[in-house]
Amino acid sequence: MDILGPNPVGKPPNVASPDNPVIREIQRRLTMIRRGQHLSDLGTKLGLVVEGGGMRGVTSGGSLIAMEELGLTSAFDEVYGESAGAINACYFLASQAAFGESIYLEDLASLRFFNPVRVNKILDMDFLIDHVMTRVKPLAVDKVMESRSKLFVSITNVDEGTARVVEVKEEKPPLLKLLKATAAVIPLYNQSVMLDGIPYADGGITDPIPVINAINNGCTHILVLLTRPHGFRLQEFEGAGRMVLKVLLRRWNRKFVDAFFNIRYRRYNEARDIAFGDVPAAPGVNLAVLCPRSGAPAIARTTISRRRLEAAMKHSIRETLQLLGPASRGAA
């Protein structure tokens, strides 16, 4: 169950602002890019973490459109994503952010993708990956693999109920198949995806908002794109909702079901606490969060209103350009 917690008092320390160290580092790199300088020997490691969440990904995708427009596609040393966040990140690394974002408005905002009476495939990830991303709006996989940034995608081992982080350029899995696995939102797409003979599903179950991965890998500056506002807390499933989900998950093994009910919400909230600065990160780690603010259109995992999705996308683009655009142009 998703709820909003009490309204926070004051602005959290890591909400992105022009004087945040992460934003200053992004602007420094953008100046170098515009001057044709190589991003090497900088003394910093810049990470990008992109949250998913089904159709809520239209929000993080909007920020990526703005950053691509500003020329930041090659600015990040490492990029981390799960579910829709990983898909958005791949289109960004391929310099296709706007192309990828159009999928939400033109292909997914329909009963072809979301159908509440289509049991076990309420969200049709086969349609998204095998049709849209392969034929209609193909992801340039070669450009993703050739991009400057290392790419890490989180998935959940269905047999063990544990997280796996795939370093895409080192392990070289079939990328579209990997993206289907991380976006296999259980139980809305109630099946796993086989990789190396092992069944995987939604990375958001065991590794939501993979900010801790970026910290553990030595990122000194991390931009986190979230799709829910500050003050949100993911709650444990209870009551009738829990009973319904138990029925839908009855064919899954015990370890996976335990992770779904007892690990997902804890790790999600832990990651948000670190991202916003409510829990201190490791010494020397700077974080900045871009998330929906007051007045942003509310988007749920299954929203298919094109009008609302487009409004959320444009709001996100505008907020990101306002944060990075004028200051970056002035520094160039």
Protein backbone atom coordinates (compact mmCIF):
# COMPACT_ATOMS: atom_id res chain seq x y z
CA MET A 1 0.00 0.00 0.00
CA ASP A 2 1.37 3.44 -0.92
CA ILE A 3 0.70 6.39 1.38
CA LEU A 4 2.06 9.85 1.98
CA GLY A 5 3.53 10.48 5.39
CA PRO A 6 3.17 13.74 7.31
CA ASN A 7 4.26 16.88 5.51
CA PRO A 8 7.95 17.43 6.30
CA VAL A 9 9.00 20.56 8.16
CA GLY A 10 11.41 22.55 6.02
CA LYS A 11 13.32 21.36 2.98
CA PRO A 12 15.26 18.09 3.29
CA PRO A 13 19.02 18.68 3.07
CA ASN A 14 19.53 16.79 -0.19
CA VAL A 15 16.69 18.15 -2.30
CA ALA A 16 18.49 19.46 -5.39
CA SER A 17 19.33 23.16 -5.38
CA PRO A 18 21.91 25.24 -7.29
CA ASP A 19 24.34 25.24 -4.34
CA ASN A 20 24.21 21.47 -3.79
CA PRO A 21 27.68 19.91 -4.41
CA VAL A 22 26.21 17.38 -6.83
CA ILE A 23 24.58 20.08 -8.95
CA ARG A 24 27.80 22.08 -8.93
CA GLU A 25 29.72 18.98 -10.07
CA ILE A 26 27.22 18.40 -12.88
CA GLN A 27 27.61 22.01 -13.99
CA ARG A 28 31.40 21.74 -13.85
CA ARG A 29 31.29 18.72 -16.12
CA LEU A 30 28.82 20.32 -18.49
CA THR A 31 31.17 23.27 -18.88
CA MET A 32 33.99 20.86 -19.73
CA ILE A 33 31.82 18.99 -22.23
CA ARG A 34 30.88 22.22 -23.99
CA ARG A 35 34.53 23.18 -24.18
CA GLY A 36 35.43 19.82 -25.70
CA GLN A 37 37.46 18.70 -22.68
CA HIS A 38 37.76 15.05 -21.65
CA LEU A 39 36.13 14.03 -18.38
CA SER A 40 39.16 12.40 -16.83
CA ASP A 41 41.29 12.86 -13.70
CA LEU A 42 38.49 14.84 -12.06
CA GLY A 43 39.00 13.53 -8.55
CA THR A 44 35.28 12.70 -8.33
CA LYS A 45 32.97 9.91 -9.43
CA LEU A 46 29.53 11.08 -10.54
CA GLY A 47 26.64 8.62 -10.32
CA LEU A 48 23.06 8.75 -11.56
CA VAL A 49 20.32 6.69 -9.89
CA VAL A 50 16.96 6.43 -11.68
CA GLU A 51 13.87 5.15 -9.89
CA GLY A 52 11.23 3.18 -11.74
CA GLY A 53 7.67 2.41 -10.73
CA GLY A 54 5.69 1.54 -13.85
CA MET A 55 4.06 4.60 -15.38
CA ARG A 56 5.58 6.81 -12.67
CA GLY A 57 8.74 6.49 -14.74
CA VAL A 58 7.38 9.30 -16.91
CA THR A 59 8.63 11.63 -14.16
CA SER A 60 12.25 10.47 -14.04
CA GLY A 61 12.15 10.22 -17.84
CA GLY A 62 11.22 13.89 -18.06
CA SER A 63 14.32 14.85 -16.09
CA LEU A 64 16.44 12.75 -18.44
CA ILE A 65 14.97 14.55 -21.46
CA ALA A 66 16.02 17.85 -19.93
CA MET A 67 19.52 16.59 -19.13
CA GLU A 68 19.96 15.21 -22.63
CA GLU A 69 18.80 18.54 -24.04
CA LEU A 70 21.44 20.31 -21.95
CA GLY A 71 24.19 17.96 -23.21
CA LEU A 72 24.65 15.79 -20.12
CA THR A 73 24.36 12.35 -21.71
CA SER A 74 28.06 11.61 -21.20
CA ALA A 75 28.48 13.43 -17.87
CA PHE A 76 27.91 10.49 -15.51
CA ASP A 77 30.56 7.92 -14.67
CA GLU A 78 28.05 5.34 -13.51
CA VAL A 79 24.29 4.93 -13.99
CA TYR A 80 22.03 2.75 -11.84
CA GLY A 81 18.43 1.75 -12.49
CA GLU A 82 15.70 -0.78 -11.90
CA SER A 83 12.36 -1.39 -13.58
CA ALA A 84 11.18 1.61 -15.63
CA GLY A 85 14.13 3.58 -14.29
CA ALA A 86 16.56 1.21 -16.03
CA ILE A 87 14.62 1.53 -19.29
CA ASN A 88 14.67 5.32 -19.05
CA ALA A 89 18.39 5.25 -18.27
CA CYS A 90 19.13 3.15 -21.35
CA TYR A 91 17.30 5.52 -23.70
CA PHE A 92 19.20 8.40 -22.05
CA LEU A 93 22.60 6.73 -22.53
CA ALA A 94 21.68 6.06 -26.16
CA SER A 95 20.85 9.78 -26.62
CA GLN A 96 17.21 8.77 -27.16
CA ALA A 97 15.62 10.18 -24.00
CA ALA A 98 12.75 12.00 -25.71
CA PHE A 99 12.21 9.07 -28.08
CA GLY A 100 11.97 6.68 -25.12
CA GLU A 101 9.72 9.01 -23.13
CA SER A 102 7.24 9.12 -26.00
CA ILE A 103 6.54 5.45 -25.31
CA TYR A 104 4.60 6.40 -22.16
CA LEU A 105 2.33 8.75 -24.08
CA GLU A 106 1.94 6.99 -27.41
CA ASP A 107 2.21 3.28 -26.65
CA LEU A 108 1.58 2.56 -22.97
CA ALA A 109 -1.33 4.93 -22.31
CA SER A 110 -3.80 2.34 -23.55
CA LEU A 111 -5.57 -0.88 -22.66
CA ARG A 112 -3.11 -2.67 -24.93
CA PHE A 113 -0.48 -2.28 -22.23
CA PHE A 114 -2.61 -1.90 -19.09
CA ASN A 115 -5.70 -4.06 -18.81
CA PRO A 116 -7.05 -4.69 -15.28
CA VAL A 117 -9.14 -7.69 -16.39
CA ARG A 118 -6.19 -9.47 -18.03
CA VAL A 119 -5.20 -11.64 -15.07
CA ASN A 120 -1.45 -12.36 -14.70
CA LYS A 121 -0.60 -9.78 -17.36
CA ILE A 122 -2.28 -6.60 -16.21
CA LEU A 123 0.86 -4.80 -17.40
CA ASP A 124 1.97 -6.45 -20.64
CA MET A 125 5.77 -6.31 -20.53
CA ASP A 126 5.95 -8.54 -23.62
CA PHE A 127 4.19 -5.80 -25.58
CA LEU A 128 6.54 -3.14 -24.21
CA ILE A 129 9.85 -4.98 -24.70
CA ASP A 130 9.25 -7.35 -27.62
CA HIS A 131 7.09 -5.03 -29.71
CA VAL A 132 7.50 -1.38 -28.78
CA MET A 133 11.17 -1.30 -27.73
CA THR A 134 12.20 -3.76 -30.44
CA ARG A 135 10.16 -2.62 -33.45
CA VAL A 136 8.13 0.55 -32.89
CA LYS A 137 10.61 2.71 -30.92
CA PRO A 138 13.73 0.56 -30.93
CA LEU A 139 16.32 1.14 -28.25
CA ALA A 140 19.76 1.66 -29.80
CA VAL A 141 21.43 -1.08 -27.79
CA ASP A 142 24.79 -0.53 -29.49
CA LYS A 143 24.82 3.11 -28.39
CA VAL A 144 24.04 2.11 -24.81
CA MET A 145 27.00 -0.28 -24.84
CA GLU A 146 29.29 2.33 -26.41
CA SER A 147 28.31 5.13 -24.01
CA ARG A 148 30.85 6.55 -21.59
CA SER A 149 28.95 5.54 -18.43
CA LYS A 150 29.05 2.19 -16.72
CA LEU A 151 25.52 0.81 -16.41
CA PHE A 152 24.14 -1.22 -13.50
CA VAL A 153 20.68 -2.83 -13.57
CA SER A 154 19.05 -4.45 -10.53
CA ILE A 155 16.97 -7.63 -10.75
CA THR A 156 15.53 -10.09 -8.23
CA ASN A 157 16.45 -13.78 -8.18
CA VAL A 158 13.07 -15.50 -7.97
CA ASP A 159 14.45 -18.78 -6.58
CA GLU A 160 16.33 -17.11 -3.74
CA GLY A 161 14.44 -13.87 -3.19
CA THR A 162 17.73 -11.99 -3.40
CA ALA A 163 19.04 -9.02 -5.33
CA ARG A 164 21.48 -9.19 -8.24
CA VAL A 165 23.13 -6.14 -9.74
CA VAL A 166 24.16 -6.66 -13.36
CA GLU A 167 27.13 -4.63 -14.58
CA VAL A 168 25.86 -4.48 -18.13
CA LYS A 169 29.03 -3.66 -20.06
CA GLU A 170 31.10 -6.26 -18.21
CA GLU A 171 28.57 -9.11 -18.20
CA LYS A 172 27.01 -8.27 -21.58
CA PRO A 173 23.59 -9.91 -21.08
CA PRO A 174 20.92 -9.57 -23.79
CA LEU A 175 19.96 -6.03 -22.83
CA LEU A 176 16.30 -6.09 -23.81
CA LYS A 177 15.80 -9.37 -21.98
CA LEU A 178 17.50 -7.91 -18.91
CA LEU A 179 15.21 -4.87 -19.09
CA LYS A 180 12.18 -7.14 -19.28
CA ALA A 181 13.39 -8.95 -16.17
CA THR A 182 13.92 -5.80 -14.11
CA ALA A 183 10.55 -4.41 -15.25
CA ALA A 184 8.60 -7.64 -14.63
CA VAL A 185 6.37 -6.03 -11.97
CA ILE A 186 4.94 -8.81 -9.84
CA PRO A 187 2.00 -9.53 -9.72
CA LEU A 188 0.91 -7.12 -12.49
CA TYR A 189 3.13 -9.08 -14.88
CA ASN A 190 2.97 -12.36 -13.02
CA GLN A 191 5.86 -14.26 -14.55
CA SER A 192 9.63 -14.36 -14.38
CA VAL A 193 12.26 -13.92 -17.09
CA MET A 194 15.08 -16.42 -17.58
CA LEU A 195 18.68 -15.17 -17.64
CA ASP A 196 21.55 -17.67 -17.57
CA GLY A 197 19.04 -20.38 -16.68
CA ILE A 198 17.82 -18.52 -13.57
CA PRO A 199 14.40 -16.88 -13.21
CA TYR A 200 14.42 -13.15 -12.42
CA ALA A 201 11.80 -10.49 -11.89
CA ASP A 202 11.24 -6.91 -10.71
CA GLY A 203 14.45 -5.33 -9.42
CA GLY A 204 12.35 -3.03 -7.29
CA ILE A 205 11.46 -5.86 -4.91
CA THR A 206 14.95 -6.41 -3.48
CA ASP A 207 16.91 -3.37 -4.73
CA PRO A 208 14.58 -0.38 -5.10
CA ILE A 209 16.28 2.98 -5.69
CA PRO A 210 19.80 1.53 -5.92
CA VAL A 211 21.52 4.47 -4.26
CA ILE A 212 23.40 2.20 -1.83
CA ASN A 213 24.99 0.42 -4.80
CA ALA A 214 26.30 3.75 -6.08
CA ILE A 215 27.73 4.59 -2.66
CA ASN A 216 29.35 1.17 -2.24
CA ASN A 217 30.94 1.49 -5.70
CA GLY A 218 32.67 4.68 -4.66
CA CYS A 219 30.54 7.41 -6.20
CA THR A 220 31.35 10.71 -4.51
CA HIS A 221 28.49 12.68 -6.09
CA ILE A 222 25.12 11.08 -6.81
CA LEU A 223 22.04 12.52 -8.51
CA VAL A 224 18.90 10.56 -7.58
CA LEU A 225 15.78 10.83 -9.74
CA LEU A 226 12.74 9.81 -7.70
CA THR A 227 9.17 9.41 -8.90
CA ARG A 228 7.41 10.09 -5.59
CA PRO A 229 7.51 13.28 -3.51
CA HIS A 230 9.41 13.81 -0.28
CA GLY A 231 7.35 12.63 2.68
CA PHE A 232 6.24 9.44 0.95
CA ARG A 233 6.66 6.17 2.87
CA LEU A 234 6.04 2.73 1.43
CA GLN A 235 3.98 0.73 3.91
CA GLU A 236 3.78 -2.98 4.61
CA PHE A 237 0.87 -4.73 2.92
CA GLU A 238 -1.88 -5.41 5.43
CA GLY A 239 -5.50 -6.52 5.66
CA ALA A 240 -7.54 -7.37 2.60
CA GLY A 241 -4.85 -6.14 0.21
CA ARG A 242 -2.35 -8.56 1.68
CA MET A 243 -4.84 -11.43 1.40
CA VAL A 244 -5.48 -10.70 -2.28
CA LEU A 245 -1.77 -10.50 -3.01
CA LYS A 246 -1.16 -13.81 -1.25
CA VAL A 247 -3.64 -15.41 -3.62
CA LEU A 248 -1.97 -13.82 -6.66
CA LEU A 249 1.45 -14.95 -5.41
CA ARG A 250 0.45 -18.46 -4.41
CA ARG A 251 2.52 -20.14 -7.15
CA TRP A 252 5.73 -18.29 -6.25
CA ASN A 253 8.21 -19.84 -3.84
CA ARG A 254 8.42 -18.88 -0.19
CA LYS A 255 11.70 -16.92 -0.38
CA PHE A 256 10.45 -14.69 -3.15
CA VAL A 257 7.10 -14.07 -1.43
CA ASP A 258 8.92 -13.22 1.78
CA ALA A 259 11.04 -10.67 -0.09
CA PHE A 260 7.93 -9.20 -1.70
CA PHE A 261 6.14 -8.68 1.60
CA ASN A 262 8.96 -8.09 4.08
CA ILE A 263 12.03 -6.75 2.25
CA ARG A 264 10.69 -4.48 -0.48
CA TYR A 265 9.14 -1.75 1.65
CA ARG A 266 12.01 -1.69 4.17
CA ARG A 267 14.74 -1.30 1.56
CA TYR A 268 12.70 1.24 -0.35
CA ASN A 269 12.33 3.48 2.68
CA GLU A 270 15.96 2.98 3.70
CA ALA A 271 17.12 4.10 0.26
CA ARG A 272 14.89 7.19 0.37
CA ASP A 273 16.16 8.10 3.83
CA ILE A 274 19.75 8.00 2.59
CA ALA A 275 18.94 9.86 -0.62
CA PHE A 276 17.19 12.72 1.17
CA GLY A 277 19.79 12.90 3.93
CA ASP A 278 17.50 11.76 6.74
CA VAL A 279 20.11 9.05 7.35
CA PRO A 280 23.74 10.11 6.81
CA ALA A 281 25.58 8.59 3.87
CA ALA A 282 29.21 7.54 4.06
CA PRO A 283 31.76 10.33 4.63
CA GLY A 284 32.67 12.12 1.41
CA VAL A 285 29.44 11.16 -0.38
CA ASN A 286 27.24 13.99 -1.70
CA LEU A 287 23.66 13.40 -2.83
CA ALA A 288 21.04 15.48 -4.62
CA VAL A 289 17.44 14.42 -5.19
CA LEU A 290 15.08 15.47 -7.95
CA CYS A 291 11.51 14.41 -7.16
CA PRO A 292 7.95 15.61 -7.77
CA ARG A 293 7.23 18.76 -5.80
CA SER A 294 4.05 20.51 -4.76
CA GLY A 295 1.84 21.07 -7.77
CA ALA A 296 3.24 18.20 -9.83
CA PRO A 297 0.58 15.95 -11.41
CA ALA A 298 0.15 12.75 -9.39
CA ILE A 299 1.06 9.61 -11.31
CA ALA A 300 0.44 6.03 -10.15
CA ARG A 301 2.06 2.82 -11.37
CA THR A 302 -0.91 2.16 -13.67
CA THR A 303 -1.91 5.68 -14.78
CA ILE A 304 -2.82 5.66 -18.47
CA SER A 305 -4.32 9.14 -18.84
CA ARG A 306 -2.24 10.65 -21.62
CA ARG A 307 -3.16 14.14 -20.50
CA ARG A 308 -1.92 13.51 -16.96
CA LEU A 309 1.22 11.68 -18.11
CA GLU A 310 2.12 14.48 -20.51
CA ALA A 311 1.56 17.09 -17.79
CA ALA A 312 3.84 15.19 -15.40
CA MET A 313 6.52 14.83 -18.07
CA LYS A 314 6.45 18.53 -18.94
CA HIS A 315 6.52 19.49 -15.26
CA SER A 316 9.61 17.33 -14.72
CA ILE A 317 11.36 18.74 -17.80
CA ARG A 318 10.62 22.29 -16.69
CA GLU A 319 11.83 21.72 -13.11
CA THR A 320 15.07 20.11 -14.28
CA LEU A 321 15.82 22.80 -16.85
CA GLN A 322 15.12 25.45 -14.24
CA LEU A 323 17.61 23.79 -11.89
CA LEU A 324 20.40 23.05 -14.36
CA GLY A 325 19.81 25.19 -17.40
CA PRO A 326 20.40 28.87 -16.55
CA ALA A 327 23.31 28.24 -14.17
CA SER A 328 24.91 25.82 -16.60
CA ARG A 329 24.60 28.22 -19.51
CA GLY A 330 26.12 30.94 -17.37
CA ALA A 331 29.08 28.73 -16.47
CA ALA A 332 29.81 27.68 -20.04
